[in-house]
Amino acid sequence: MSVSATISDRIYHALSERIVTGALPAGEKLRQDHIARDFNASHVPVREALLRLEAHGLAQSIPRRGMRVTALDPSEIREVIEMRVSLELLALQNAFAHLGSAELEAADAARLACDAATDMADWEQKNRAFHRVILSPCGMPRLLATIDDLHIASARHLFANWKHRWSQRVDTDHALIVQAMRRRDVTTACDILRRHLRRVR
């Protein structure tokens, strides 16, 4: 990986987190020179990071107004959730053929880390990590990349609507999914995941 790519990744992840959590609000202008100065970077990795934000629907280049944070569309959440249901179930079904003790231990560790989160920002990252861990054994990178994009869209809605109502809790759905994975019970795992995802809506 080139140095430029590494810096670009760092800028992308930092900006995407700020957009998802609402620290960078809709309509905020993303100025290349300001970002380059903040990250002590040249304009090349900044441009690469902004293009990734645009590709993931977090920013939009507007003629004569520059690159700005996209507005959150409340009507899209239904579509996002239904896409997550279809694609995450597909990934989980295919993951079962590749589950070993290492994958099951990783899933349990990710579940416990999520339960231990003490604020919403930490919880959202750990929750996303849990879903990534249980789905990754499917070995389908294009599918996983699409799911990652949907998680970003879903997270923006969660922060916009639940930030002030979030409280630390044990996620029983996560525990039940891991238990079903240990039993190699794909039907139950998928049923719980479907119900779990639709609760967001």
N, C-alpha and C. Protein backbone atom coordinates (compact mmCIF):
# COMPACT_ATOMS: atom_id res chain seq x y z
N MET A 1 0.85 -1.19 0.00
CA MET A 1 0.00 0.00 0.00
C MET A 1 0.88 1.24 0.00
N SER A 2 0.58 2.22 -0.85
CA SER A 2 1.38 3.43 -0.93
C SER A 2 1.11 4.33 0.26
N VAL A 3 2.05 5.27 0.50
CA VAL A 3 1.88 6.23 1.59
C VAL A 3 0.63 7.07 1.35
N SER A 4 0.41 7.45 0.07
CA SER A 4 -0.77 8.25 -0.29
C SER A 4 -2.05 7.51 0.06
N ALA A 5 -2.09 6.21 -0.23
CA ALA A 5 -3.28 5.41 0.06
C ALA A 5 -3.52 5.34 1.57
N THR A 6 -2.43 5.20 2.33
CA THR A 6 -2.55 5.12 3.78
C THR A 6 -3.12 6.41 4.35
N ILE A 7 -2.61 7.55 3.91
CA ILE A 7 -3.10 8.85 4.36
C ILE A 7 -4.54 9.05 3.92
N SER A 8 -4.83 8.67 2.67
CA SER A 8 -6.19 8.78 2.15
C SER A 8 -7.17 7.96 2.98
N ASP A 9 -6.77 6.75 3.36
CA ASP A 9 -7.61 5.90 4.20
C ASP A 9 -7.89 6.57 5.55
N ARG A 10 -6.84 7.14 6.13
CA ARG A 10 -6.98 7.78 7.44
C ARG A 10 -7.95 8.96 7.35
N ILE A 11 -7.81 9.76 6.30
CA ILE A 11 -8.69 10.92 6.11
C ILE A 11 -10.12 10.46 5.86
N TYR A 12 -10.28 9.44 5.00
CA TYR A 12 -11.62 8.93 4.69
C TYR A 12 -12.32 8.43 5.95
N HIS A 13 -11.62 7.61 6.73
CA HIS A 13 -12.25 7.03 7.92
C HIS A 13 -12.60 8.11 8.95
N ALA A 14 -11.72 9.09 9.10
CA ALA A 14 -11.99 10.17 10.06
C ALA A 14 -13.20 11.00 9.63
N LEU A 15 -13.24 11.37 8.34
CA LEU A 15 -14.35 12.18 7.85
C LEU A 15 -15.66 11.40 7.84
N SER A 16 -15.61 10.12 7.44
CA SER A 16 -16.84 9.33 7.39
C SER A 16 -17.42 9.16 8.79
N GLU A 17 -16.55 8.98 9.79
CA GLU A 17 -17.04 8.85 11.17
C GLU A 17 -17.72 10.14 11.62
N ARG A 18 -17.13 11.28 11.26
CA ARG A 18 -17.72 12.57 11.64
C ARG A 18 -19.07 12.78 10.96
N ILE A 19 -19.18 12.35 9.71
CA ILE A 19 -20.45 12.50 8.99
C ILE A 19 -21.50 11.56 9.58
N VAL A 20 -21.12 10.30 9.82
CA VAL A 20 -22.06 9.32 10.36
C VAL A 20 -22.60 9.75 11.72
N THR A 21 -21.73 10.29 12.59
CA THR A 21 -22.15 10.68 13.93
C THR A 21 -22.84 12.03 13.97
N GLY A 22 -22.81 12.76 12.84
CA GLY A 22 -23.45 14.06 12.79
C GLY A 22 -22.55 15.21 13.18
N ALA A 23 -21.27 14.92 13.51
CA ALA A 23 -20.33 15.99 13.83
C ALA A 23 -20.11 16.90 12.63
N LEU A 24 -20.16 16.33 11.42
CA LEU A 24 -20.18 17.12 10.19
C LEU A 24 -21.61 17.05 9.66
N PRO A 25 -22.38 18.13 9.79
CA PRO A 25 -23.80 18.07 9.43
C PRO A 25 -24.04 18.13 7.92
N ALA A 26 -25.24 17.76 7.52
CA ALA A 26 -25.64 17.85 6.11
C ALA A 26 -25.46 19.27 5.61
N GLY A 27 -24.90 19.37 4.39
CA GLY A 27 -24.68 20.67 3.78
C GLY A 27 -23.34 21.29 4.08
N GLU A 28 -22.62 20.72 5.06
CA GLU A 28 -21.30 21.25 5.42
C GLU A 28 -20.34 21.13 4.23
N LYS A 29 -19.63 22.20 3.94
CA LYS A 29 -18.68 22.18 2.83
C LYS A 29 -17.40 21.48 3.26
N LEU A 30 -16.92 20.58 2.42
CA LEU A 30 -15.68 19.85 2.68
C LEU A 30 -14.58 20.49 1.85
N ARG A 31 -13.85 21.41 2.46
CA ARG A 31 -12.83 22.19 1.75
C ARG A 31 -11.50 21.44 1.72
N GLN A 32 -11.02 21.20 0.50
CA GLN A 32 -9.78 20.43 0.35
C GLN A 32 -8.62 21.05 1.10
N ASP A 33 -8.48 22.37 1.01
CA ASP A 33 -7.33 23.02 1.64
C ASP A 33 -7.39 22.92 3.16
N HIS A 34 -8.60 23.06 3.73
CA HIS A 34 -8.74 22.95 5.18
C HIS A 34 -8.46 21.52 5.65
N ILE A 35 -8.98 20.55 4.90
CA ILE A 35 -8.77 19.15 5.28
C ILE A 35 -7.29 18.78 5.17
N ALA A 36 -6.65 19.23 4.08
CA ALA A 36 -5.23 18.95 3.89
C ALA A 36 -4.41 19.53 5.05
N ARG A 37 -4.77 20.73 5.49
CA ARG A 37 -4.05 21.34 6.60
C ARG A 37 -4.30 20.58 7.91
N ASP A 38 -5.56 20.19 8.15
CA ASP A 38 -5.91 19.48 9.38
C ASP A 38 -5.17 18.15 9.50
N PHE A 39 -4.97 17.48 8.35
CA PHE A 39 -4.33 16.16 8.37
C PHE A 39 -2.86 16.22 7.95
N ASN A 40 -2.36 17.44 7.78
CA ASN A 40 -0.96 17.62 7.36
C ASN A 40 -0.66 16.77 6.12
N ALA A 41 -1.54 16.90 5.12
CA ALA A 41 -1.45 16.06 3.91
C ALA A 41 -1.48 16.94 2.67
N SER A 42 -1.06 16.34 1.56
CA SER A 42 -1.17 17.04 0.27
C SER A 42 -2.60 16.92 -0.23
N HIS A 43 -2.89 17.58 -1.34
CA HIS A 43 -4.26 17.56 -1.86
C HIS A 43 -4.61 16.22 -2.52
N VAL A 44 -3.61 15.44 -2.90
CA VAL A 44 -3.89 14.17 -3.60
C VAL A 44 -4.66 13.19 -2.71
N PRO A 45 -4.16 12.84 -1.51
CA PRO A 45 -4.93 11.91 -0.68
C PRO A 45 -6.26 12.51 -0.21
N VAL A 46 -6.33 13.83 -0.06
CA VAL A 46 -7.60 14.47 0.32
C VAL A 46 -8.63 14.26 -0.78
N ARG A 47 -8.21 14.48 -2.03
CA ARG A 47 -9.11 14.27 -3.17
C ARG A 47 -9.58 12.82 -3.23
N GLU A 48 -8.66 11.88 -3.00
CA GLU A 48 -9.02 10.45 -3.01
C GLU A 48 -10.06 10.14 -1.92
N ALA A 49 -9.86 10.71 -0.73
CA ALA A 49 -10.79 10.48 0.38
C ALA A 49 -12.16 11.07 0.07
N LEU A 50 -12.19 12.26 -0.52
CA LEU A 50 -13.47 12.90 -0.86
C LEU A 50 -14.22 12.11 -1.93
N LEU A 51 -13.49 11.55 -2.88
CA LEU A 51 -14.13 10.73 -3.92
C LEU A 51 -14.73 9.46 -3.30
N ARG A 52 -14.06 8.89 -2.31
CA ARG A 52 -14.61 7.71 -1.61
C ARG A 52 -15.87 8.08 -0.83
N LEU A 53 -15.84 9.24 -0.18
CA LEU A 53 -17.04 9.70 0.53
C LEU A 53 -18.21 9.86 -0.44
N GLU A 54 -17.91 10.39 -1.62
CA GLU A 54 -18.96 10.58 -2.63
C GLU A 54 -19.48 9.23 -3.12
N ALA A 55 -18.56 8.28 -3.34
CA ALA A 55 -18.95 6.95 -3.81
C ALA A 55 -19.83 6.23 -2.79
N HIS A 56 -19.64 6.52 -1.51
CA HIS A 56 -20.41 5.88 -0.45
C HIS A 56 -21.64 6.69 -0.05
N GLY A 57 -21.93 7.75 -0.81
CA GLY A 57 -23.15 8.51 -0.56
C GLY A 57 -23.08 9.47 0.61
N LEU A 58 -21.88 9.73 1.12
CA LEU A 58 -21.73 10.62 2.28
C LEU A 58 -21.44 12.05 1.87
N ALA A 59 -21.00 12.26 0.64
CA ALA A 59 -20.70 13.60 0.14
C ALA A 59 -21.15 13.71 -1.31
N GLN A 60 -21.32 14.95 -1.75
CA GLN A 60 -21.78 15.18 -3.12
C GLN A 60 -21.10 16.42 -3.66
N SER A 61 -20.60 16.31 -4.88
CA SER A 61 -20.00 17.47 -5.54
C SER A 61 -21.11 18.26 -6.23
N ILE A 62 -21.31 19.50 -5.79
CA ILE A 62 -22.38 20.35 -6.32
C ILE A 62 -21.76 21.47 -7.14
N PRO A 63 -22.18 21.64 -8.39
CA PRO A 63 -21.62 22.70 -9.24
C PRO A 63 -21.66 24.07 -8.55
N ARG A 64 -20.54 24.75 -8.56
CA ARG A 64 -20.36 26.09 -7.99
C ARG A 64 -20.49 26.14 -6.47
N ARG A 65 -20.73 24.99 -5.83
CA ARG A 65 -20.83 24.97 -4.37
C ARG A 65 -19.80 24.03 -3.73
N GLY A 66 -19.11 23.26 -4.57
CA GLY A 66 -18.07 22.37 -4.06
C GLY A 66 -18.61 21.08 -3.47
N MET A 67 -17.71 20.36 -2.80
CA MET A 67 -18.07 19.09 -2.17
C MET A 67 -18.72 19.35 -0.82
N ARG A 68 -19.91 18.77 -0.63
CA ARG A 68 -20.65 18.99 0.62
C ARG A 68 -21.19 17.67 1.17
N VAL A 69 -21.41 17.65 2.47
CA VAL A 69 -22.00 16.48 3.12
C VAL A 69 -23.44 16.32 2.63
N THR A 70 -23.81 15.11 2.24
CA THR A 70 -25.15 14.86 1.72
C THR A 70 -26.19 14.97 2.84
N ALA A 71 -27.40 15.31 2.43
CA ALA A 71 -28.52 15.35 3.37
C ALA A 71 -28.98 13.93 3.68
N LEU A 72 -29.49 13.74 4.88
CA LEU A 72 -30.01 12.45 5.29
C LEU A 72 -31.45 12.34 4.82
N ASP A 73 -31.76 11.31 4.07
CA ASP A 73 -33.10 11.12 3.53
C ASP A 73 -33.85 10.10 4.38
N PRO A 74 -34.82 10.54 5.20
CA PRO A 74 -35.53 9.60 6.08
C PRO A 74 -36.24 8.48 5.33
N SER A 75 -36.60 8.74 4.06
CA SER A 75 -37.35 7.73 3.30
C SER A 75 -36.49 6.56 2.86
N GLU A 76 -35.15 6.72 2.94
CA GLU A 76 -34.28 5.65 2.43
C GLU A 76 -34.08 4.52 3.42
N ILE A 77 -34.44 4.73 4.70
CA ILE A 77 -34.10 3.73 5.70
C ILE A 77 -34.80 2.40 5.43
N ARG A 78 -36.04 2.44 4.95
CA ARG A 78 -36.74 1.19 4.64
C ARG A 78 -35.97 0.38 3.59
N GLU A 79 -35.53 1.08 2.53
CA GLU A 79 -34.77 0.41 1.47
C GLU A 79 -33.45 -0.14 2.02
N VAL A 80 -32.76 0.66 2.82
CA VAL A 80 -31.48 0.23 3.40
C VAL A 80 -31.65 -1.03 4.24
N ILE A 81 -32.68 -1.04 5.09
CA ILE A 81 -32.91 -2.20 5.97
C ILE A 81 -33.28 -3.44 5.16
N GLU A 82 -34.15 -3.29 4.17
CA GLU A 82 -34.54 -4.45 3.36
C GLU A 82 -33.36 -5.00 2.56
N MET A 83 -32.49 -4.11 2.09
CA MET A 83 -31.28 -4.56 1.39
C MET A 83 -30.35 -5.28 2.36
N ARG A 84 -30.22 -4.74 3.57
CA ARG A 84 -29.37 -5.41 4.56
C ARG A 84 -29.92 -6.79 4.89
N VAL A 85 -31.23 -6.90 5.05
CA VAL A 85 -31.83 -8.20 5.34
C VAL A 85 -31.47 -9.21 4.25
N SER A 86 -31.71 -8.84 3.00
CA SER A 86 -31.46 -9.77 1.88
C SER A 86 -29.98 -10.14 1.78
N LEU A 87 -29.11 -9.14 1.85
CA LEU A 87 -27.69 -9.40 1.60
C LEU A 87 -26.99 -10.03 2.80
N GLU A 88 -27.35 -9.61 4.01
CA GLU A 88 -26.71 -10.21 5.18
C GLU A 88 -27.15 -11.66 5.38
N LEU A 89 -28.40 -11.96 5.06
CA LEU A 89 -28.83 -13.36 5.14
C LEU A 89 -28.09 -14.21 4.12
N LEU A 90 -27.90 -13.66 2.92
CA LEU A 90 -27.14 -14.38 1.89
C LEU A 90 -25.71 -14.64 2.37
N ALA A 91 -25.09 -13.62 2.95
CA ALA A 91 -23.72 -13.78 3.44
C ALA A 91 -23.65 -14.78 4.59
N LEU A 92 -24.61 -14.71 5.52
CA LEU A 92 -24.59 -15.63 6.67
C LEU A 92 -24.81 -17.07 6.23
N GLN A 93 -25.73 -17.28 5.30
CA GLN A 93 -25.96 -18.64 4.79
C GLN A 93 -24.69 -19.23 4.20
N ASN A 94 -23.96 -18.42 3.44
CA ASN A 94 -22.73 -18.90 2.82
C ASN A 94 -21.58 -19.00 3.81
N ALA A 95 -21.66 -18.26 4.92
CA ALA A 95 -20.60 -18.31 5.93
C ALA A 95 -20.58 -19.64 6.66
N PHE A 96 -21.74 -20.28 6.80
CA PHE A 96 -21.83 -21.50 7.60
C PHE A 96 -20.92 -22.61 7.08
N ALA A 97 -20.68 -22.64 5.79
CA ALA A 97 -19.83 -23.69 5.21
C ALA A 97 -18.36 -23.52 5.61
N HIS A 98 -18.01 -22.35 6.16
CA HIS A 98 -16.61 -22.07 6.46
C HIS A 98 -16.39 -21.76 7.94
N LEU A 99 -17.33 -22.15 8.78
CA LEU A 99 -17.21 -21.86 10.21
C LEU A 99 -16.33 -22.90 10.91
N GLY A 100 -15.29 -22.42 11.55
CA GLY A 100 -14.46 -23.28 12.39
C GLY A 100 -14.41 -22.69 13.78
N SER A 101 -13.61 -23.26 14.64
CA SER A 101 -13.54 -22.78 16.03
C SER A 101 -13.03 -21.34 16.09
N ALA A 102 -12.09 -20.99 15.22
CA ALA A 102 -11.54 -19.62 15.23
C ALA A 102 -12.62 -18.60 14.88
N GLU A 103 -13.43 -18.91 13.87
CA GLU A 103 -14.50 -17.99 13.46
C GLU A 103 -15.56 -17.84 14.56
N LEU A 104 -15.87 -18.95 15.23
CA LEU A 104 -16.87 -18.90 16.30
C LEU A 104 -16.35 -18.13 17.51
N GLU A 105 -15.08 -18.30 17.84
CA GLU A 105 -14.49 -17.55 18.96
C GLU A 105 -14.44 -16.06 18.63
N ALA A 106 -14.13 -15.73 17.38
CA ALA A 106 -14.10 -14.32 16.96
C ALA A 106 -15.49 -13.70 17.05
N ALA A 107 -16.51 -14.46 16.67
CA ALA A 107 -17.89 -13.96 16.75
C ALA A 107 -18.28 -13.70 18.19
N ASP A 108 -17.90 -14.61 19.09
CA ASP A 108 -18.25 -14.44 20.50
C ASP A 108 -17.51 -13.24 21.10
N ALA A 109 -16.25 -13.07 20.74
CA ALA A 109 -15.47 -11.94 21.24
C ALA A 109 -16.06 -10.62 20.74
N ALA A 110 -16.48 -10.59 19.46
CA ALA A 110 -17.08 -9.38 18.90
C ALA A 110 -18.41 -9.06 19.58
N ARG A 111 -19.16 -10.10 19.91
CA ARG A 111 -20.44 -9.92 20.62
C ARG A 111 -20.21 -9.29 21.99
N LEU A 112 -19.24 -9.81 22.73
CA LEU A 112 -18.95 -9.30 24.07
C LEU A 112 -18.41 -7.87 24.02
N ALA A 113 -17.59 -7.57 23.02
CA ALA A 113 -17.07 -6.21 22.86
C ALA A 113 -18.20 -5.22 22.61
N CYS A 114 -19.17 -5.63 21.82
CA CYS A 114 -20.32 -4.78 21.53
C CYS A 114 -21.12 -4.52 22.81
N ASP A 115 -21.35 -5.57 23.59
CA ASP A 115 -22.10 -5.43 24.85
C ASP A 115 -21.38 -4.51 25.83
N ALA A 116 -20.04 -4.45 25.75
CA ALA A 116 -19.26 -3.67 26.71
C ALA A 116 -19.14 -2.19 26.33
N ALA A 117 -19.61 -1.81 25.16
CA ALA A 117 -19.50 -0.42 24.71
C ALA A 117 -20.21 0.51 25.68
N THR A 118 -19.58 1.65 25.98
CA THR A 118 -20.13 2.56 26.98
C THR A 118 -20.71 3.85 26.38
N ASP A 119 -20.56 4.04 25.08
CA ASP A 119 -21.21 5.18 24.43
C ASP A 119 -21.64 4.75 23.04
N MET A 120 -22.50 5.55 22.41
CA MET A 120 -23.10 5.12 21.16
C MET A 120 -22.08 5.01 20.02
N ALA A 121 -21.11 5.94 19.99
CA ALA A 121 -20.11 5.91 18.92
C ALA A 121 -19.30 4.61 18.99
N ASP A 122 -18.89 4.23 20.20
CA ASP A 122 -18.14 2.99 20.38
C ASP A 122 -19.02 1.79 20.06
N TRP A 123 -20.27 1.83 20.54
CA TRP A 123 -21.20 0.73 20.27
C TRP A 123 -21.43 0.55 18.77
N GLU A 124 -21.61 1.65 18.04
CA GLU A 124 -21.90 1.53 16.61
C GLU A 124 -20.74 0.86 15.88
N GLN A 125 -19.51 1.23 16.23
CA GLN A 125 -18.34 0.60 15.60
C GLN A 125 -18.25 -0.88 15.97
N LYS A 126 -18.50 -1.20 17.24
CA LYS A 126 -18.41 -2.59 17.69
C LYS A 126 -19.57 -3.42 17.11
N ASN A 127 -20.73 -2.81 16.98
CA ASN A 127 -21.87 -3.50 16.38
C ASN A 127 -21.59 -3.82 14.91
N ARG A 128 -21.04 -2.84 14.21
CA ARG A 128 -20.67 -3.06 12.81
C ARG A 128 -19.62 -4.16 12.70
N ALA A 129 -18.67 -4.16 13.65
CA ALA A 129 -17.61 -5.18 13.65
C ALA A 129 -18.20 -6.57 13.89
N PHE A 130 -19.20 -6.67 14.79
CA PHE A 130 -19.83 -7.97 15.04
C PHE A 130 -20.45 -8.51 13.76
N HIS A 131 -21.22 -7.67 13.07
CA HIS A 131 -21.85 -8.13 11.83
C HIS A 131 -20.80 -8.53 10.80
N ARG A 132 -19.71 -7.77 10.73
CA ARG A 132 -18.64 -8.09 9.77
C ARG A 132 -18.02 -9.45 10.10
N VAL A 133 -17.81 -9.72 11.39
CA VAL A 133 -17.17 -10.97 11.81
C VAL A 133 -18.04 -12.18 11.47
N ILE A 134 -19.34 -12.10 11.71
CA ILE A 134 -20.18 -13.28 11.45
C ILE A 134 -20.41 -13.49 9.96
N LEU A 135 -20.26 -12.43 9.15
CA LEU A 135 -20.53 -12.55 7.72
C LEU A 135 -19.28 -12.83 6.90
N SER A 136 -18.12 -12.39 7.38
CA SER A 136 -16.88 -12.49 6.59
C SER A 136 -16.53 -13.89 6.12
N PRO A 137 -16.82 -14.97 6.91
CA PRO A 137 -16.46 -16.30 6.42
C PRO A 137 -17.12 -16.69 5.10
N CYS A 138 -18.11 -15.93 4.65
CA CYS A 138 -18.74 -16.26 3.36
C CYS A 138 -17.74 -16.16 2.22
N GLY A 139 -16.68 -15.36 2.40
CA GLY A 139 -15.65 -15.25 1.38
C GLY A 139 -16.13 -14.60 0.09
N MET A 140 -17.06 -13.66 0.18
CA MET A 140 -17.62 -12.99 -1.01
C MET A 140 -17.36 -11.49 -0.89
N PRO A 141 -16.20 -11.02 -1.35
CA PRO A 141 -15.78 -9.64 -1.10
C PRO A 141 -16.71 -8.57 -1.67
N ARG A 142 -17.28 -8.81 -2.85
CA ARG A 142 -18.19 -7.80 -3.41
C ARG A 142 -19.45 -7.67 -2.56
N LEU A 143 -19.96 -8.79 -2.12
CA LEU A 143 -21.14 -8.79 -1.26
C LEU A 143 -20.83 -8.06 0.04
N LEU A 144 -19.70 -8.34 0.65
CA LEU A 144 -19.32 -7.72 1.91
C LEU A 144 -19.10 -6.22 1.75
N ALA A 145 -18.54 -5.80 0.63
CA ALA A 145 -18.32 -4.37 0.38
C ALA A 145 -19.65 -3.63 0.27
N THR A 146 -20.62 -4.26 -0.37
CA THR A 146 -21.95 -3.65 -0.48
C THR A 146 -22.61 -3.55 0.89
N ILE A 147 -22.47 -4.59 1.70
CA ILE A 147 -23.02 -4.58 3.05
C ILE A 147 -22.35 -3.48 3.89
N ASP A 148 -21.05 -3.30 3.73
CA ASP A 148 -20.34 -2.24 4.45
C ASP A 148 -20.95 -0.87 4.13
N ASP A 149 -21.24 -0.62 2.85
CA ASP A 149 -21.86 0.65 2.46
C ASP A 149 -23.23 0.82 3.10
N LEU A 150 -24.00 -0.26 3.16
CA LEU A 150 -25.32 -0.19 3.78
C LEU A 150 -25.22 0.07 5.28
N HIS A 151 -24.18 -0.47 5.92
CA HIS A 151 -23.98 -0.22 7.34
C HIS A 151 -23.72 1.27 7.60
N ILE A 152 -22.97 1.90 6.70
CA ILE A 152 -22.70 3.33 6.85
C ILE A 152 -23.99 4.13 6.76
N ALA A 153 -24.82 3.81 5.77
CA ALA A 153 -26.10 4.51 5.62
C ALA A 153 -26.99 4.26 6.84
N SER A 154 -27.03 3.04 7.31
CA SER A 154 -27.83 2.68 8.47
C SER A 154 -27.35 3.42 9.72
N ALA A 155 -26.03 3.52 9.88
CA ALA A 155 -25.46 4.18 11.05
C ALA A 155 -25.84 5.66 11.11
N ARG A 156 -25.87 6.34 9.97
CA ARG A 156 -26.26 7.75 9.96
C ARG A 156 -27.68 7.92 10.51
N HIS A 157 -28.58 7.03 10.11
CA HIS A 157 -29.96 7.10 10.59
C HIS A 157 -30.03 6.80 12.10
N LEU A 158 -29.23 5.84 12.55
CA LEU A 158 -29.22 5.51 13.97
C LEU A 158 -28.78 6.72 14.80
N PHE A 159 -27.70 7.37 14.38
CA PHE A 159 -27.21 8.53 15.13
C PHE A 159 -28.20 9.68 15.08
N ALA A 160 -28.84 9.87 13.94
CA ALA A 160 -29.80 10.97 13.81
C ALA A 160 -31.02 10.77 14.69
N ASN A 161 -31.43 9.52 14.88
CA ASN A 161 -32.71 9.25 15.55
C ASN A 161 -32.61 8.65 16.94
N TRP A 162 -31.44 8.07 17.28
CA TRP A 162 -31.35 7.33 18.55
C TRP A 162 -30.24 7.81 19.47
N LYS A 163 -29.47 8.81 19.06
CA LYS A 163 -28.30 9.21 19.85
C LYS A 163 -28.68 9.56 21.30
N HIS A 164 -29.80 10.23 21.49
CA HIS A 164 -30.17 10.68 22.82
C HIS A 164 -30.98 9.62 23.59
N ARG A 165 -31.28 8.51 22.92
CA ARG A 165 -32.04 7.45 23.59
C ARG A 165 -31.21 6.19 23.80
N TRP A 166 -29.95 6.22 23.34
CA TRP A 166 -29.11 5.04 23.45
C TRP A 166 -28.75 4.77 24.91
N SER A 167 -28.71 3.51 25.27
CA SER A 167 -28.22 3.12 26.60
C SER A 167 -27.49 1.78 26.48
N GLN A 168 -26.54 1.58 27.33
CA GLN A 168 -25.76 0.34 27.30
C GLN A 168 -26.67 -0.85 27.62
N ARG A 169 -26.51 -1.93 26.86
CA ARG A 169 -27.34 -3.11 27.10
C ARG A 169 -26.66 -4.34 26.51
N VAL A 170 -27.10 -5.49 26.97
CA VAL A 170 -26.64 -6.76 26.40
C VAL A 170 -27.55 -7.09 25.22
N ASP A 171 -26.95 -7.34 24.07
CA ASP A 171 -27.74 -7.63 22.87
C ASP A 171 -28.03 -9.14 22.81
N THR A 172 -29.25 -9.50 23.21
CA THR A 172 -29.60 -10.92 23.25
C THR A 172 -29.66 -11.54 21.85
N ASP A 173 -30.01 -10.74 20.84
CA ASP A 173 -30.03 -11.26 19.47
C ASP A 173 -28.64 -11.71 19.04
N HIS A 174 -27.63 -10.90 19.35
CA HIS A 174 -26.25 -11.28 19.00
C HIS A 174 -25.89 -12.61 19.66
N ALA A 175 -26.25 -12.74 20.93
CA ALA A 175 -25.93 -13.98 21.66
C ALA A 175 -26.63 -15.18 21.03
N LEU A 176 -27.90 -15.00 20.66
CA LEU A 176 -28.67 -16.10 20.06
C LEU A 176 -28.13 -16.48 18.68
N ILE A 177 -27.67 -15.49 17.94
CA ILE A 177 -27.09 -15.77 16.62
C ILE A 177 -25.82 -16.61 16.78
N VAL A 178 -24.95 -16.23 17.73
CA VAL A 178 -23.71 -16.98 17.95
C VAL A 178 -24.02 -18.40 18.43
N GLN A 179 -25.03 -18.53 19.31
CA GLN A 179 -25.42 -19.86 19.77
C GLN A 179 -25.89 -20.74 18.60
N ALA A 180 -26.68 -20.15 17.71
CA ALA A 180 -27.16 -20.90 16.54
C ALA A 180 -25.98 -21.27 15.62
N MET A 181 -25.01 -20.39 15.50
CA MET A 181 -23.83 -20.69 14.69
C MET A 181 -23.06 -21.86 15.29
N ARG A 182 -22.94 -21.90 16.60
CA ARG A 182 -22.24 -23.00 17.26
C ARG A 182 -22.96 -24.33 17.02
N ARG A 183 -24.30 -24.28 16.94
CA ARG A 183 -25.08 -25.50 16.70
C ARG A 183 -25.16 -25.85 15.21
N ARG A 184 -24.58 -24.98 14.38
CA ARG A 184 -24.67 -25.11 12.91
C ARG A 184 -26.13 -25.06 12.45
N ASP A 185 -26.93 -24.25 13.15
CA ASP A 185 -28.36 -24.11 12.85
C ASP A 185 -28.57 -22.86 12.01
N VAL A 186 -28.38 -22.99 10.70
CA VAL A 186 -28.44 -21.84 9.81
C VAL A 186 -29.82 -21.21 9.76
N THR A 187 -30.87 -22.03 9.83
CA THR A 187 -32.24 -21.50 9.76
C THR A 187 -32.53 -20.57 10.92
N THR A 188 -32.21 -21.00 12.15
CA THR A 188 -32.45 -20.17 13.32
C THR A 188 -31.59 -18.91 13.30
N ALA A 189 -30.33 -19.05 12.93
CA ALA A 189 -29.44 -17.89 12.87
C ALA A 189 -29.99 -16.84 11.91
N CYS A 190 -30.46 -17.28 10.75
CA CYS A 190 -30.99 -16.34 9.75
C CYS A 190 -32.31 -15.72 10.21
N ASP A 191 -33.14 -16.51 10.88
CA ASP A 191 -34.41 -15.98 11.40
C ASP A 191 -34.16 -14.87 12.42
N ILE A 192 -33.19 -15.11 13.31
CA ILE A 192 -32.88 -14.11 14.34
C ILE A 192 -32.27 -12.86 13.70
N LEU A 193 -31.36 -13.06 12.74
CA LEU A 193 -30.73 -11.92 12.07
C LEU A 193 -31.77 -11.08 11.34
N ARG A 194 -32.72 -11.73 10.68
CA ARG A 194 -33.78 -11.00 9.97
C ARG A 194 -34.59 -10.14 10.94
N ARG A 195 -35.00 -10.73 12.04
CA ARG A 195 -35.77 -10.00 13.05
C ARG A 195 -34.94 -8.86 13.64
N HIS A 196 -33.67 -9.14 13.90
CA HIS A 196 -32.75 -8.17 14.49
C HIS A 196 -32.60 -6.93 13.60
N LEU A 197 -32.43 -7.14 12.31
CA LEU A 197 -32.23 -6.03 11.39
C LEU A 197 -33.51 -5.20 11.22
N ARG A 198 -34.65 -5.86 11.19
CA ARG A 198 -35.90 -5.14 10.97
C ARG A 198 -36.34 -4.33 12.19
N ARG A 199 -35.76 -4.61 13.34
CA ARG A 199 -36.06 -3.80 14.53
C ARG A 199 -35.62 -2.36 14.34
N VAL A 200 -34.56 -2.15 13.57
CA VAL A 200 -34.02 -0.80 13.36
C VAL A 200 -35.07 0.10 12.75
N ARG A 201 -35.86 -0.46 11.86
CA ARG A 201 -36.85 0.34 11.14
C ARG A 201 -37.96 0.79 12.07
